[in-house]
mmCIF file of all heavy atoms, coordinates in Angstrom:
data_MODEL
# 
_entry.id   MODEL 
# 
loop_
_atom_site.group_PDB 
_atom_site.id 
_atom_site.type_symbol 
_atom_site.label_atom_id 
_atom_site.label_alt_id 
_atom_site.label_comp_id 
_atom_site.label_asym_id 
_atom_site.label_entity_id 
_atom_site.label_seq_id 
_atom_site.pdbx_PDB_ins_code 
_atom_site.Cartn_x 
_atom_site.Cartn_y 
_atom_site.Cartn_z 
_atom_site.occupancy 
_atom_site.B_iso_or_equiv 
_atom_site.pdbx_formal_charge 
_atom_site.auth_seq_id 
_atom_site.auth_comp_id 
_atom_site.auth_asym_id 
_atom_site.auth_atom_id 
_atom_site.pdbx_PDB_model_num 
ATOM 1   N N   . GLY A 1 1  ? -10.119 2.782   3.212   1.00 0.00 ? 1  GLY A N   1 
ATOM 2   C CA  . GLY A 1 1  ? -10.212 4.129   2.677   1.00 0.00 ? 1  GLY A CA  1 
ATOM 3   C C   . GLY A 1 1  ? -8.931  4.901   2.732   1.00 0.00 ? 1  GLY A C   1 
ATOM 4   O O   . GLY A 1 1  ? -8.859  6.004   2.137   1.00 0.00 ? 1  GLY A O   1 
ATOM 5   N N   . ARG A 1 2  ? -7.977  4.422   3.483   1.00 0.00 ? 2  ARG A N   1 
ATOM 6   C CA  . ARG A 1 2  ? -6.666  5.161   3.595   1.00 0.00 ? 2  ARG A CA  1 
ATOM 7   C C   . ARG A 1 2  ? -5.545  4.344   2.961   1.00 0.00 ? 2  ARG A C   1 
ATOM 8   O O   . ARG A 1 2  ? -4.633  4.961   2.362   1.00 0.00 ? 2  ARG A O   1 
ATOM 9   C CB  . ARG A 1 2  ? -6.296  5.435   5.040   1.00 0.00 ? 2  ARG A CB  1 
ATOM 10  C CG  . ARG A 1 2  ? -7.265  6.308   5.801   1.00 0.00 ? 2  ARG A CG  1 
ATOM 11  C CD  . ARG A 1 2  ? -6.700  6.733   7.144   1.00 0.00 ? 2  ARG A CD  1 
ATOM 12  N NE  . ARG A 1 2  ? -6.364  5.579   7.999   1.00 0.00 ? 2  ARG A NE  1 
ATOM 13  C CZ  . ARG A 1 2  ? -5.188  5.429   8.577   1.00 0.00 ? 2  ARG A CZ  1 
ATOM 14  N NH1 . ARG A 1 2  ? -4.207  6.256   8.350   1.00 0.00 ? 2  ARG A NH1 1 
ATOM 15  N NH2 . ARG A 1 2  ? -4.951  4.374   9.376   1.00 0.00 ? 2  ARG A NH2 1 
ATOM 16  N N   . PHE A 1 3  ? -5.559  3.030   3.082   1.00 0.00 ? 3  PHE A N   1 
ATOM 17  C CA  . PHE A 1 3  ? -4.509  2.197   2.537   1.00 0.00 ? 3  PHE A CA  1 
ATOM 18  C C   . PHE A 1 3  ? -5.017  1.444   1.324   1.00 0.00 ? 3  PHE A C   1 
ATOM 19  O O   . PHE A 1 3  ? -6.202  1.039   1.263   1.00 0.00 ? 3  PHE A O   1 
ATOM 20  C CB  . PHE A 1 3  ? -4.051  1.177   3.572   1.00 0.00 ? 3  PHE A CB  1 
ATOM 21  C CG  . PHE A 1 3  ? -3.326  1.776   4.756   1.00 0.00 ? 3  PHE A CG  1 
ATOM 22  C CD1 . PHE A 1 3  ? -3.215  3.159   4.966   1.00 0.00 ? 3  PHE A CD1 1 
ATOM 23  C CD2 . PHE A 1 3  ? -2.698  0.952   5.685   1.00 0.00 ? 3  PHE A CD2 1 
ATOM 24  C CE1 . PHE A 1 3  ? -2.539  3.711   6.017   1.00 0.00 ? 3  PHE A CE1 1 
ATOM 25  C CE2 . PHE A 1 3  ? -1.986  1.496   6.803   1.00 0.00 ? 3  PHE A CE2 1 
ATOM 26  C CZ  . PHE A 1 3  ? -1.901  2.846   6.957   1.00 0.00 ? 3  PHE A CZ  1 
ATOM 27  N N   . THR A 1 4  ? -4.108  1.152   0.385   1.00 0.00 ? 4  THR A N   1 
ATOM 28  C CA  . THR A 1 4  ? -4.460  0.342   -0.777  1.00 0.00 ? 4  THR A CA  1 
ATOM 29  C C   . THR A 1 4  ? -3.351  -0.670  -1.032  1.00 0.00 ? 4  THR A C   1 
ATOM 30  O O   . THR A 1 4  ? -2.179  -0.284  -1.142  1.00 0.00 ? 4  THR A O   1 
ATOM 31  C CB  . THR A 1 4  ? -4.609  1.198   -2.032  1.00 0.00 ? 4  THR A CB  1 
ATOM 32  O OG1 . THR A 1 4  ? -5.611  2.214   -1.828  1.00 0.00 ? 4  THR A OG1 1 
ATOM 33  C CG2 . THR A 1 4  ? -5.007  0.373   -3.235  1.00 0.00 ? 4  THR A CG2 1 
ATOM 34  N N   . ILE A 1 5  ? -3.740  -1.933  -1.038  1.00 0.00 ? 5  ILE A N   1 
ATOM 35  C CA  . ILE A 1 5  ? -2.774  -3.012  -1.340  1.00 0.00 ? 5  ILE A CA  1 
ATOM 36  C C   . ILE A 1 5  ? -2.910  -3.362  -2.808  1.00 0.00 ? 5  ILE A C   1 
ATOM 37  O O   . ILE A 1 5  ? -3.985  -3.360  -3.410  1.00 0.00 ? 5  ILE A O   1 
ATOM 38  C CB  . ILE A 1 5  ? -3.064  -4.215  -0.461  1.00 0.00 ? 5  ILE A CB  1 
ATOM 39  C CG1 . ILE A 1 5  ? -1.933  -5.255  -0.607  1.00 0.00 ? 5  ILE A CG1 1 
ATOM 40  C CG2 . ILE A 1 5  ? -4.409  -4.839  -0.718  1.00 0.00 ? 5  ILE A CG2 1 
ATOM 41  C CD1 . ILE A 1 5  ? -2.020  -6.429  0.419   1.00 0.00 ? 5  ILE A CD1 1 
ATOM 42  N N   . SER A 1 6  ? -1.784  -3.671  -3.421  1.00 0.00 ? 6  SER A N   1 
ATOM 43  C CA  . SER A 1 6  ? -1.757  -4.035  -4.837  1.00 0.00 ? 6  SER A CA  1 
ATOM 44  C C   . SER A 1 6  ? -0.531  -4.909  -5.075  1.00 0.00 ? 6  SER A C   1 
ATOM 45  O O   . SER A 1 6  ? 0.319   -5.100  -4.192  1.00 0.00 ? 6  SER A O   1 
ATOM 46  C CB  . SER A 1 6  ? -1.706  -2.812  -5.741  1.00 0.00 ? 6  SER A CB  1 
ATOM 47  O OG  . SER A 1 6  ? -0.561  -2.039  -5.521  1.00 0.00 ? 6  SER A OG  1 
ATOM 48  N N   . ARG A 1 7  ? -0.472  -5.470  -6.288  1.00 0.00 ? 7  ARG A N   1 
ATOM 49  C CA  . ARG A 1 7  ? 0.685   -6.300  -6.649  1.00 0.00 ? 7  ARG A CA  1 
ATOM 50  C C   . ARG A 1 7  ? 0.885   -6.274  -8.137  1.00 0.00 ? 7  ARG A C   1 
ATOM 51  O O   . ARG A 1 7  ? -0.054  -6.036  -8.921  1.00 0.00 ? 7  ARG A O   1 
ATOM 52  C CB  . ARG A 1 7  ? 0.460   -7.726  -6.147  1.00 0.00 ? 7  ARG A CB  1 
ATOM 53  C CG  . ARG A 1 7  ? -0.664  -8.430  -6.813  1.00 0.00 ? 7  ARG A CG  1 
ATOM 54  C CD  . ARG A 1 7  ? -1.007  -9.764  -6.095  1.00 0.00 ? 7  ARG A CD  1 
ATOM 55  N NE  . ARG A 1 7  ? 0.159   -10.716 -6.179  1.00 0.00 ? 7  ARG A NE  1 
ATOM 56  C CZ  . ARG A 1 7  ? 0.297   -11.781 -5.370  1.00 0.00 ? 7  ARG A CZ  1 
ATOM 57  N NH1 . ARG A 1 7  ? -0.621  -11.977 -4.426  1.00 0.00 ? 7  ARG A NH1 1 
ATOM 58  N NH2 . ARG A 1 7  ? 1.287   -12.588 -5.578  1.00 0.00 ? 7  ARG A NH2 1 
ATOM 59  N N   . ASP A 1 8  ? 2.132   -6.509  -8.522  1.00 0.00 ? 8  ASP A N   1 
ATOM 60  C CA  . ASP A 1 8  ? 2.490   -6.673  -9.932  1.00 0.00 ? 8  ASP A CA  1 
ATOM 61  C C   . ASP A 1 8  ? 3.223   -7.994  -10.060 1.00 0.00 ? 8  ASP A C   1 
ATOM 62  O O   . ASP A 1 8  ? 4.434   -8.057  -9.783  1.00 0.00 ? 8  ASP A O   1 
ATOM 63  C CB  . ASP A 1 8  ? 3.312   -5.468  -10.413 1.00 0.00 ? 8  ASP A CB  1 
ATOM 64  C CG  . ASP A 1 8  ? 3.629   -5.500  -11.866 1.00 0.00 ? 8  ASP A CG  1 
ATOM 65  O OD1 . ASP A 1 8  ? 3.529   -6.575  -12.482 1.00 0.00 ? 8  ASP A OD1 1 
ATOM 66  O OD2 . ASP A 1 8  ? 3.977   -4.465  -12.400 1.00 0.00 ? 8  ASP A OD2 1 
ATOM 67  N N   . ASN A 1 9  ? 2.523   -9.043  -10.431 1.00 0.00 ? 9  ASN A N   1 
ATOM 68  C CA  . ASN A 1 9  ? 3.155   -10.360 -10.496 1.00 0.00 ? 9  ASN A CA  1 
ATOM 69  C C   . ASN A 1 9  ? 4.270   -10.393 -11.576 1.00 0.00 ? 9  ASN A C   1 
ATOM 70  O O   . ASN A 1 9  ? 5.188   -11.187 -11.423 1.00 0.00 ? 9  ASN A O   1 
ATOM 71  C CB  . ASN A 1 9  ? 2.126   -11.427 -10.800 1.00 0.00 ? 9  ASN A CB  1 
ATOM 72  C CG  . ASN A 1 9  ? 1.210   -11.693 -9.578  1.00 0.00 ? 9  ASN A CG  1 
ATOM 73  O OD1 . ASN A 1 9  ? 1.600   -11.368 -8.430  1.00 0.00 ? 9  ASN A OD1 1 
ATOM 74  N ND2 . ASN A 1 9  ? 0.059   -12.285 -9.811  1.00 0.00 ? 9  ASN A ND2 1 
ATOM 75  N N   . ALA A 1 10 ? 4.174   -9.596  -12.599 1.00 0.00 ? 10 ALA A N   1 
ATOM 76  C CA  . ALA A 1 10 ? 5.230   -9.588  -13.591 1.00 0.00 ? 10 ALA A CA  1 
ATOM 77  C C   . ALA A 1 10 ? 6.551   -9.089  -13.007 1.00 0.00 ? 10 ALA A C   1 
ATOM 78  O O   . ALA A 1 10 ? 7.625   -9.436  -13.495 1.00 0.00 ? 10 ALA A O   1 
ATOM 79  C CB  . ALA A 1 10 ? 4.807   -8.743  -14.773 1.00 0.00 ? 10 ALA A CB  1 
ATOM 80  N N   . LYS A 1 11 ? 6.423   -8.222  -12.011 1.00 0.00 ? 11 LYS A N   1 
ATOM 81  C CA  . LYS A 1 11 ? 7.624   -7.685  -11.339 1.00 0.00 ? 11 LYS A CA  1 
ATOM 82  C C   . LYS A 1 11 ? 7.897   -8.372  -10.001 1.00 0.00 ? 11 LYS A C   1 
ATOM 83  O O   . LYS A 1 11 ? 8.827   -7.967  -9.306  1.00 0.00 ? 11 LYS A O   1 
ATOM 84  C CB  . LYS A 1 11 ? 7.417   -6.179  -11.068 1.00 0.00 ? 11 LYS A CB  1 
ATOM 85  C CG  . LYS A 1 11 ? 7.323   -5.359  -12.384 1.00 0.00 ? 11 LYS A CG  1 
ATOM 86  C CD  . LYS A 1 11 ? 7.202   -3.875  -12.079 1.00 0.00 ? 11 LYS A CD  1 
ATOM 87  C CE  . LYS A 1 11 ? 7.153   -3.054  -13.383 1.00 0.00 ? 11 LYS A CE  1 
ATOM 88  N NZ  . LYS A 1 11 ? 6.997   -1.616  -13.086 1.00 0.00 ? 11 LYS A NZ  1 
ATOM 89  N N   . ASN A 1 12 ? 7.096   -9.362  -9.648  1.00 0.00 ? 12 ASN A N   1 
ATOM 90  C CA  . ASN A 1 12 ? 7.307   -10.086 -8.386  1.00 0.00 ? 12 ASN A CA  1 
ATOM 91  C C   . ASN A 1 12 ? 7.313   -9.068  -7.226  1.00 0.00 ? 12 ASN A C   1 
ATOM 92  O O   . ASN A 1 12 ? 8.138   -9.198  -6.299  1.00 0.00 ? 12 ASN A O   1 
ATOM 93  C CB  . ASN A 1 12 ? 8.615   -10.857 -8.394  1.00 0.00 ? 12 ASN A CB  1 
ATOM 94  C CG  . ASN A 1 12 ? 8.383   -12.279 -8.859  1.00 0.00 ? 12 ASN A CG  1 
ATOM 95  O OD1 . ASN A 1 12 ? 7.345   -12.625 -9.445  1.00 0.00 ? 12 ASN A OD1 1 
ATOM 96  N ND2 . ASN A 1 12 ? 9.372   -13.165 -8.688  1.00 0.00 ? 12 ASN A ND2 1 
ATOM 97  N N   . THR A 1 13 ? 6.418   -8.124  -7.257  1.00 0.00 ? 13 THR A N   1 
ATOM 98  C CA  . THR A 1 13 ? 6.405   -7.055  -6.255  1.00 0.00 ? 13 THR A CA  1 
ATOM 99  C C   . THR A 1 13 ? 5.016   -6.772  -5.762  1.00 0.00 ? 13 THR A C   1 
ATOM 100 O O   . THR A 1 13 ? 4.067   -6.695  -6.569  1.00 0.00 ? 13 THR A O   1 
ATOM 101 C CB  . THR A 1 13 ? 7.045   -5.794  -6.812  1.00 0.00 ? 13 THR A CB  1 
ATOM 102 O OG1 . THR A 1 13 ? 8.356   -6.068  -7.271  1.00 0.00 ? 13 THR A OG1 1 
ATOM 103 C CG2 . THR A 1 13 ? 7.120   -4.681  -5.737  1.00 0.00 ? 13 THR A CG2 1 
ATOM 104 N N   . GLY A 1 14 ? 4.898   -6.553  -4.471  1.00 0.00 ? 14 GLY A N   1 
ATOM 105 C CA  . GLY A 1 14 ? 3.665   -6.101  -3.868  1.00 0.00 ? 14 GLY A CA  1 
ATOM 106 C C   . GLY A 1 14 ? 3.808   -4.716  -3.317  1.00 0.00 ? 14 GLY A C   1 
ATOM 107 O O   . GLY A 1 14 ? 4.961   -4.245  -3.066  1.00 0.00 ? 14 GLY A O   1 
ATOM 108 N N   . TYR A 1 15 ? 2.708   -4.076  -3.130  1.00 0.00 ? 15 TYR A N   1 
ATOM 109 C CA  . TYR A 1 15 ? 2.740   -2.624  -2.683  1.00 0.00 ? 15 TYR A CA  1 
ATOM 110 C C   . TYR A 1 15 ? 1.700   -2.364  -1.614  1.00 0.00 ? 15 TYR A C   1 
ATOM 111 O O   . TYR A 1 15 ? 0.670   -3.067  -1.519  1.00 0.00 ? 15 TYR A O   1 
ATOM 112 C CB  . TYR A 1 15 ? 2.457   -1.718  -3.848  1.00 0.00 ? 15 TYR A CB  1 
ATOM 113 C CG  . TYR A 1 15 ? 3.388   -1.945  -5.035  1.00 0.00 ? 15 TYR A CG  1 
ATOM 114 C CD1 . TYR A 1 15 ? 2.953   -2.707  -6.129  1.00 0.00 ? 15 TYR A CD1 1 
ATOM 115 C CD2 . TYR A 1 15 ? 4.654   -1.355  -5.060  1.00 0.00 ? 15 TYR A CD2 1 
ATOM 116 C CE1 . TYR A 1 15 ? 3.824   -2.942  -7.196  1.00 0.00 ? 15 TYR A CE1 1 
ATOM 117 C CE2 . TYR A 1 15 ? 5.479   -1.565  -6.180  1.00 0.00 ? 15 TYR A CE2 1 
ATOM 118 C CZ  . TYR A 1 15 ? 5.063   -2.350  -7.211  1.00 0.00 ? 15 TYR A CZ  1 
ATOM 119 O OH  . TYR A 1 15 ? 5.910   -2.556  -8.296  1.00 0.00 ? 15 TYR A OH  1 
ATOM 120 N N   . LEU A 1 16 ? 1.999   -1.374  -0.792  1.00 0.00 ? 16 LEU A N   1 
ATOM 121 C CA  . LEU A 1 16 ? 0.966   -0.843  0.147   1.00 0.00 ? 16 LEU A CA  1 
ATOM 122 C C   . LEU A 1 16 ? 1.078   0.682   0.063   1.00 0.00 ? 16 LEU A C   1 
ATOM 123 O O   . LEU A 1 16 ? 2.020   1.278   0.526   1.00 0.00 ? 16 LEU A O   1 
ATOM 124 C CB  . LEU A 1 16 ? 1.250   -1.326  1.563   1.00 0.00 ? 16 LEU A CB  1 
ATOM 125 C CG  . LEU A 1 16 ? 0.231   -0.922  2.598   1.00 0.00 ? 16 LEU A CG  1 
ATOM 126 C CD1 . LEU A 1 16 ? -1.116  -1.612  2.325   1.00 0.00 ? 16 LEU A CD1 1 
ATOM 127 C CD2 . LEU A 1 16 ? 0.694   -1.210  4.007   1.00 0.00 ? 16 LEU A CD2 1 
ATOM 128 N N   . GLN A 1 17 ? 0.047   1.266   -0.545  1.00 0.00 ? 17 GLN A N   1 
ATOM 129 C CA  . GLN A 1 17 ? -0.023  2.723   -0.578  1.00 0.00 ? 17 GLN A CA  1 
ATOM 130 C C   . GLN A 1 17 ? -0.767  3.181   0.646   1.00 0.00 ? 17 GLN A C   1 
ATOM 131 O O   . GLN A 1 17 ? -1.868  2.752   0.939   1.00 0.00 ? 17 GLN A O   1 
ATOM 132 C CB  . GLN A 1 17 ? -0.822  3.159   -1.846  1.00 0.00 ? 17 GLN A CB  1 
ATOM 133 C CG  . GLN A 1 17 ? -1.046  4.652   -1.944  1.00 0.00 ? 17 GLN A CG  1 
ATOM 134 C CD  . GLN A 1 17 ? 0.214   5.422   -2.173  1.00 0.00 ? 17 GLN A CD  1 
ATOM 135 O OE1 . GLN A 1 17 ? 1.053   5.072   -3.006  1.00 0.00 ? 17 GLN A OE1 1 
ATOM 136 N NE2 . GLN A 1 17 ? 0.407   6.518   -1.370  1.00 0.00 ? 17 GLN A NE2 1 
ATOM 137 N N   . MET A 1 18 ? -0.142  4.061   1.374   1.00 0.00 ? 18 MET A N   1 
ATOM 138 C CA  . MET A 1 18 ? -0.693  4.564   2.633   1.00 0.00 ? 18 MET A CA  1 
ATOM 139 C C   . MET A 1 18 ? -0.914  6.098   2.581   1.00 0.00 ? 18 MET A C   1 
ATOM 140 O O   . MET A 1 18 ? 0.051   6.804   2.374   1.00 0.00 ? 18 MET A O   1 
ATOM 141 C CB  . MET A 1 18 ? 0.233   4.233   3.801   1.00 0.00 ? 18 MET A CB  1 
ATOM 142 C CG  . MET A 1 18 ? 0.568   2.732   3.929   1.00 0.00 ? 18 MET A CG  1 
ATOM 143 S SD  . MET A 1 18 ? 1.553   2.323   5.358   1.00 0.00 ? 18 MET A SD  1 
ATOM 144 C CE  . MET A 1 18 ? 3.064   3.209   5.021   1.00 0.00 ? 18 MET A CE  1 
ATOM 145 N N   . ASN A 1 19 ? -2.133  6.490   2.692   1.00 0.00 ? 19 ASN A N   1 
ATOM 146 C CA  . ASN A 1 19 ? -2.477  7.937   2.638   1.00 0.00 ? 19 ASN A CA  1 
ATOM 147 C C   . ASN A 1 19 ? -3.098  8.358   3.956   1.00 0.00 ? 19 ASN A C   1 
ATOM 148 O O   . ASN A 1 19 ? -3.513  7.534   4.776   1.00 0.00 ? 19 ASN A O   1 
ATOM 149 C CB  . ASN A 1 19 ? -3.492  8.148   1.494   1.00 0.00 ? 19 ASN A CB  1 
ATOM 150 C CG  . ASN A 1 19 ? -2.931  7.811   0.132   1.00 0.00 ? 19 ASN A CG  1 
ATOM 151 O OD1 . ASN A 1 19 ? -1.737  7.929   -0.132  1.00 0.00 ? 19 ASN A OD1 1 
ATOM 152 N ND2 . ASN A 1 19 ? -3.805  7.333   -0.747  1.00 0.00 ? 19 ASN A ND2 1 
ATOM 153 N N   . SER A 1 20 ? -3.154  9.662   4.154   1.00 0.00 ? 20 SER A N   1 
ATOM 154 C CA  . SER A 1 20 ? -3.767  10.230  5.361   1.00 0.00 ? 20 SER A CA  1 
ATOM 155 C C   . SER A 1 20 ? -3.187  9.579   6.623   1.00 0.00 ? 20 SER A C   1 
ATOM 156 O O   . SER A 1 20 ? -3.906  9.138   7.505   1.00 0.00 ? 20 SER A O   1 
ATOM 157 C CB  . SER A 1 20 ? -5.283  10.057  5.331   1.00 0.00 ? 20 SER A CB  1 
ATOM 158 O OG  . SER A 1 20 ? -5.825  10.685  4.187   1.00 0.00 ? 20 SER A OG  1 
ATOM 159 N N   . LEU A 1 21 ? -1.886  9.450   6.656   1.00 0.00 ? 21 LEU A N   1 
ATOM 160 C CA  . LEU A 1 21 ? -1.218  8.765   7.755   1.00 0.00 ? 21 LEU A CA  1 
ATOM 161 C C   . LEU A 1 21 ? -1.423  9.497   9.077   1.00 0.00 ? 21 LEU A C   1 
ATOM 162 O O   . LEU A 1 21 ? -1.473  10.722  9.122   1.00 0.00 ? 21 LEU A O   1 
ATOM 163 C CB  . LEU A 1 21 ? 0.250   8.585   7.456   1.00 0.00 ? 21 LEU A CB  1 
ATOM 164 C CG  . LEU A 1 21 ? 0.574   7.467   6.440   1.00 0.00 ? 21 LEU A CG  1 
ATOM 165 C CD1 . LEU A 1 21 ? 1.968   7.603   5.874   1.00 0.00 ? 21 LEU A CD1 1 
ATOM 166 C CD2 . LEU A 1 21 ? 0.402   6.110   7.099   1.00 0.00 ? 21 LEU A CD2 1 
ATOM 167 N N   . LYS A 1 22 ? -1.522  8.704   10.125  1.00 0.00 ? 22 LYS A N   1 
ATOM 168 C CA  . LYS A 1 22 ? -1.736  9.222   11.464  1.00 0.00 ? 22 LYS A CA  1 
ATOM 169 C C   . LYS A 1 22 ? -0.607  8.756   12.365  1.00 0.00 ? 22 LYS A C   1 
ATOM 170 O O   . LYS A 1 22 ? 0.078   7.759   12.092  1.00 0.00 ? 22 LYS A O   1 
ATOM 171 C CB  . LYS A 1 22 ? -3.064  8.662   12.038  1.00 0.00 ? 22 LYS A CB  1 
ATOM 172 C CG  . LYS A 1 22 ? -4.267  8.915   11.163  1.00 0.00 ? 22 LYS A CG  1 
ATOM 173 C CD  . LYS A 1 22 ? -5.483  8.172   11.715  1.00 0.00 ? 22 LYS A CD  1 
ATOM 174 C CE  . LYS A 1 22 ? -6.685  8.372   10.833  1.00 0.00 ? 22 LYS A CE  1 
ATOM 175 N NZ  . LYS A 1 22 ? -7.872  7.622   11.365  1.00 0.00 ? 22 LYS A NZ  1 
ATOM 176 N N   . PRO A 1 23 ? -0.334  9.463   13.476  1.00 0.00 ? 23 PRO A N   1 
ATOM 177 C CA  . PRO A 1 23 ? 0.747   9.053   14.350  1.00 0.00 ? 23 PRO A CA  1 
ATOM 178 C C   . PRO A 1 23 ? 0.547   7.616   14.832  1.00 0.00 ? 23 PRO A C   1 
ATOM 179 O O   . PRO A 1 23 ? 1.544   6.898   15.042  1.00 0.00 ? 23 PRO A O   1 
ATOM 180 C CB  . PRO A 1 23 ? 0.630   10.034  15.524  1.00 0.00 ? 23 PRO A CB  1 
ATOM 181 C CG  . PRO A 1 23 ? 0.136   11.250  14.884  1.00 0.00 ? 23 PRO A CG  1 
ATOM 182 C CD  . PRO A 1 23 ? -0.876  10.788  13.835  1.00 0.00 ? 23 PRO A CD  1 
ATOM 183 N N   . GLU A 1 24 ? -0.685  7.152   14.987  1.00 0.00 ? 24 GLU A N   1 
ATOM 184 C CA  . GLU A 1 24 ? -0.912  5.789   15.426  1.00 0.00 ? 24 GLU A CA  1 
ATOM 185 C C   . GLU A 1 24 ? -0.584  4.761   14.340  1.00 0.00 ? 24 GLU A C   1 
ATOM 186 O O   . GLU A 1 24 ? -0.666  3.554   14.643  1.00 0.00 ? 24 GLU A O   1 
ATOM 187 C CB  . GLU A 1 24 ? -2.367  5.600   15.917  1.00 0.00 ? 24 GLU A CB  1 
ATOM 188 C CG  . GLU A 1 24 ? -3.396  6.084   14.969  1.00 0.00 ? 24 GLU A CG  1 
ATOM 189 C CD  . GLU A 1 24 ? -3.894  7.494   15.280  1.00 0.00 ? 24 GLU A CD  1 
ATOM 190 O OE1 . GLU A 1 24 ? -3.033  8.367   15.579  1.00 0.00 ? 24 GLU A OE1 1 
ATOM 191 O OE2 . GLU A 1 24 ? -5.107  7.750   15.188  1.00 0.00 ? 24 GLU A OE2 1 
ATOM 192 N N   . ASP A 1 25 ? -0.248  5.165   13.190  1.00 0.00 ? 25 ASP A N   1 
ATOM 193 C CA  . ASP A 1 25 ? 0.190   4.251   12.151  1.00 0.00 ? 25 ASP A CA  1 
ATOM 194 C C   . ASP A 1 25 ? 1.673   3.876   12.288  1.00 0.00 ? 25 ASP A C   1 
ATOM 195 O O   . ASP A 1 25 ? 2.208   3.077   11.535  1.00 0.00 ? 25 ASP A O   1 
ATOM 196 C CB  . ASP A 1 25 ? -0.083  4.837   10.734  1.00 0.00 ? 25 ASP A CB  1 
ATOM 197 C CG  . ASP A 1 25 ? -1.539  4.934   10.424  1.00 0.00 ? 25 ASP A CG  1 
ATOM 198 O OD1 . ASP A 1 25 ? -2.343  4.026   10.759  1.00 0.00 ? 25 ASP A OD1 1 
ATOM 199 O OD2 . ASP A 1 25 ? -1.947  5.987   9.834   1.00 0.00 ? 25 ASP A OD2 1 
# 
């Protein structure tokens, strides 16, 4: 619910979108 993993194989790139970050992250 806070993080989203994705990838774009055409760009050879992966992503991690991190929202609502907490100090423990």
